[in-house]
Amino acid sequence: MFKRLFKIIFWPVKKIILLPFKFLFYTLLIFAVLILFFQYRADYDVDTSPLTKIEYENCIDVIDSYEVSINLLSEYVQELDSYQREFLEERLPDSLQILLEPQTIEPDQFEGIKGTLSTYLQGGRIPGFNGKALLPQAASLCRSGLS
């Protein structure tokens, strides 16, 4: 009797409480699938295979030095054509958009970005689909900075 009464009372409450969590979970799942779908359909016209350990470590070594990083970023940004710049503006996370204007980055601001950038580049090491890195634009950014 108690068991049946318990089910009658708490079953609707449980369904109502869990509904927003289910909605949030499925929304995030669909969002992740859409991002991966469009990310892997993009034609980058450069090598976007996962970074090797040596490439990743070289990228991290480069971003440890403020002066070297700013100089490399300045050269990289100057060599971008309008299509490449627009592509990066669309694809880079908001916290890394300032990298497209390296002259405006202060040393203390760079220290905050450095951690985010190294985490972002880590996504370039993880294999994704079709021989591309999980974050193909991170792999491309790293290789472009090293060359």
Protein backbone atom coordinates (compact mmCIF):
# COMPACT_ATOMS: atom_id res chain seq x y z
CA MET A 1 0.00 0.00 0.00
CA PHE A 2 2.77 2.47 0.98
CA LYS A 3 4.77 1.50 -2.03
CA ARG A 4 1.88 2.21 -4.37
CA LEU A 5 1.06 5.47 -2.62
CA PHE A 6 4.74 6.46 -2.80
CA LYS A 7 4.77 5.82 -6.56
CA ILE A 8 1.57 7.78 -7.11
CA ILE A 9 2.83 10.82 -5.21
CA PHE A 10 6.53 10.91 -6.09
CA TRP A 11 6.50 9.65 -9.67
CA PRO A 12 5.04 12.91 -11.10
CA VAL A 13 7.28 15.01 -8.87
CA LYS A 14 10.34 13.07 -10.04
CA LYS A 15 9.34 13.52 -13.68
CA ILE A 16 8.78 17.26 -13.27
CA ILE A 17 12.09 17.80 -11.46
CA LEU A 18 14.14 15.72 -13.90
CA LEU A 19 12.59 17.21 -17.05
CA PRO A 20 14.77 20.37 -17.12
CA PHE A 21 17.90 18.27 -16.57
CA LYS A 22 16.96 15.93 -19.40
CA PHE A 23 16.22 18.91 -21.64
CA LEU A 24 19.58 20.49 -20.79
CA PHE A 25 21.46 17.23 -21.36
CA TYR A 26 19.91 16.56 -24.76
CA THR A 27 20.34 20.19 -25.84
CA LEU A 28 24.05 20.08 -24.97
CA LEU A 29 24.42 16.74 -26.74
CA ILE A 30 22.79 18.07 -29.92
CA PHE A 31 24.91 21.25 -29.72
CA ALA A 32 28.14 19.21 -29.43
CA VAL A 33 27.16 17.01 -32.36
CA LEU A 34 26.36 20.05 -34.52
CA ILE A 35 29.67 21.71 -33.66
CA LEU A 36 31.60 18.57 -34.54
CA PHE A 37 29.61 18.12 -37.75
CA PHE A 38 30.32 21.61 -39.06
CA GLN A 39 33.87 21.65 -37.77
CA TYR A 40 34.80 18.52 -39.67
CA ARG A 41 33.03 19.59 -42.86
CA ALA A 42 35.16 22.73 -43.05
CA ASP A 43 38.00 22.56 -45.55
CA TYR A 44 41.01 24.13 -43.86
CA ASP A 45 43.41 23.80 -46.84
CA VAL A 46 46.21 23.09 -44.34
CA ASP A 47 47.41 20.12 -42.30
CA THR A 48 44.91 19.61 -39.49
CA SER A 49 46.06 16.18 -38.36
CA PRO A 50 46.59 15.81 -34.60
CA LEU A 51 49.72 17.48 -33.26
CA THR A 52 52.59 15.26 -32.27
CA LYS A 53 53.99 15.50 -28.77
CA ILE A 54 57.05 17.36 -30.05
CA GLU A 55 54.95 19.89 -32.00
CA TYR A 56 52.76 20.51 -28.96
CA GLU A 57 55.77 20.93 -26.65
CA ASN A 58 57.38 23.34 -29.12
CA CYS A 59 54.17 25.39 -29.21
CA ILE A 60 54.05 25.48 -25.41
CA ASP A 61 57.73 26.52 -25.26
CA VAL A 62 57.03 29.34 -27.69
CA ILE A 63 54.04 30.68 -25.75
CA ASP A 64 56.01 30.68 -22.47
CA SER A 65 57.98 33.74 -23.62
CA TYR A 66 55.97 36.96 -23.89
CA GLU A 67 58.26 38.74 -26.38
CA VAL A 68 58.68 35.74 -28.68
CA SER A 69 54.95 35.01 -28.64
CA ILE A 70 53.96 38.59 -29.42
CA ASN A 71 56.49 38.78 -32.27
CA LEU A 72 55.33 35.48 -33.77
CA LEU A 73 51.68 36.42 -33.37
CA SER A 74 52.30 39.80 -34.99
CA GLU A 75 53.98 38.18 -37.99
CA TYR A 76 51.26 35.55 -38.23
CA VAL A 77 48.43 38.10 -38.11
CA GLN A 78 50.14 40.37 -40.67
CA GLU A 79 50.41 37.49 -43.15
CA LEU A 80 46.71 36.63 -42.93
CA ASP A 81 44.54 37.55 -45.87
CA SER A 82 40.98 38.75 -45.28
CA TYR A 83 39.49 35.27 -45.73
CA GLN A 84 41.88 33.68 -43.22
CA ARG A 85 41.35 36.47 -40.70
CA GLU A 86 37.58 36.16 -40.99
CA PHE A 87 37.89 32.39 -40.62
CA LEU A 88 39.91 32.75 -37.40
CA GLU A 89 37.57 35.40 -36.01
CA GLU A 90 34.67 33.00 -36.46
CA ARG A 91 36.44 29.93 -35.09
CA LEU A 92 38.61 31.16 -32.20
CA PRO A 93 36.98 31.10 -28.76
CA ASP A 94 36.03 34.54 -27.41
CA SER A 95 38.76 34.41 -24.77
CA LEU A 96 41.39 34.06 -27.52
CA GLN A 97 40.05 36.72 -29.93
CA ILE A 98 42.54 39.23 -28.52
CA LEU A 99 45.32 37.17 -30.10
CA LEU A 100 44.33 38.64 -33.45
CA GLU A 101 45.51 42.05 -32.14
CA PRO A 102 48.81 41.11 -30.47
CA GLN A 103 50.07 44.71 -30.13
CA THR A 104 47.31 45.42 -27.59
CA ILE A 105 48.18 42.51 -25.27
CA GLU A 106 49.81 43.55 -22.00
CA PRO A 107 52.23 41.15 -20.19
CA ASP A 108 49.79 40.51 -17.32
CA GLN A 109 46.95 39.97 -19.79
CA PHE A 110 49.19 37.55 -21.69
CA GLU A 111 49.71 35.45 -18.55
CA GLY A 112 45.95 34.96 -18.30
CA ILE A 113 45.66 34.03 -21.96
CA LYS A 114 48.64 31.66 -21.87
CA GLY A 115 46.81 29.05 -19.76
CA THR A 116 43.74 29.19 -21.97
CA LEU A 117 45.88 28.96 -25.09
CA SER A 118 47.80 25.91 -23.85
CA THR A 119 44.53 24.17 -22.98
CA TYR A 120 43.14 25.08 -26.39
CA LEU A 121 46.25 23.74 -28.13
CA GLN A 122 45.87 20.49 -26.17
CA GLY A 123 42.70 19.91 -28.21
CA GLY A 124 44.91 19.91 -31.29
CA ARG A 125 46.69 16.80 -29.99
CA ILE A 126 43.55 14.70 -29.55
CA PRO A 127 42.56 12.71 -32.63
CA GLY A 128 39.14 13.47 -34.07
CA PHE A 129 37.39 12.22 -37.18
CA ASN A 130 38.65 11.87 -40.76
CA GLY A 131 42.30 12.12 -39.70
CA LYS A 132 41.79 15.60 -38.25
CA ALA A 133 42.52 16.77 -34.73
CA LEU A 134 39.63 17.20 -32.31
CA LEU A 135 40.21 20.96 -32.66
CA PRO A 136 41.57 21.26 -36.22
CA GLN A 137 42.00 25.02 -36.01
CA ALA A 138 44.23 24.61 -32.92
CA ALA A 139 46.50 22.21 -34.82
CA SER A 140 46.61 24.62 -37.76
CA LEU A 141 47.37 27.58 -35.50
CA CYS A 142 50.22 25.70 -33.80
CA ARG A 143 51.80 24.55 -37.05
CA SER A 144 51.50 28.01 -38.58
CA GLY A 145 53.18 29.54 -35.54
CA LEU A 146 56.07 27.08 -35.67
CA SER A 147 56.78 27.49 -39.36
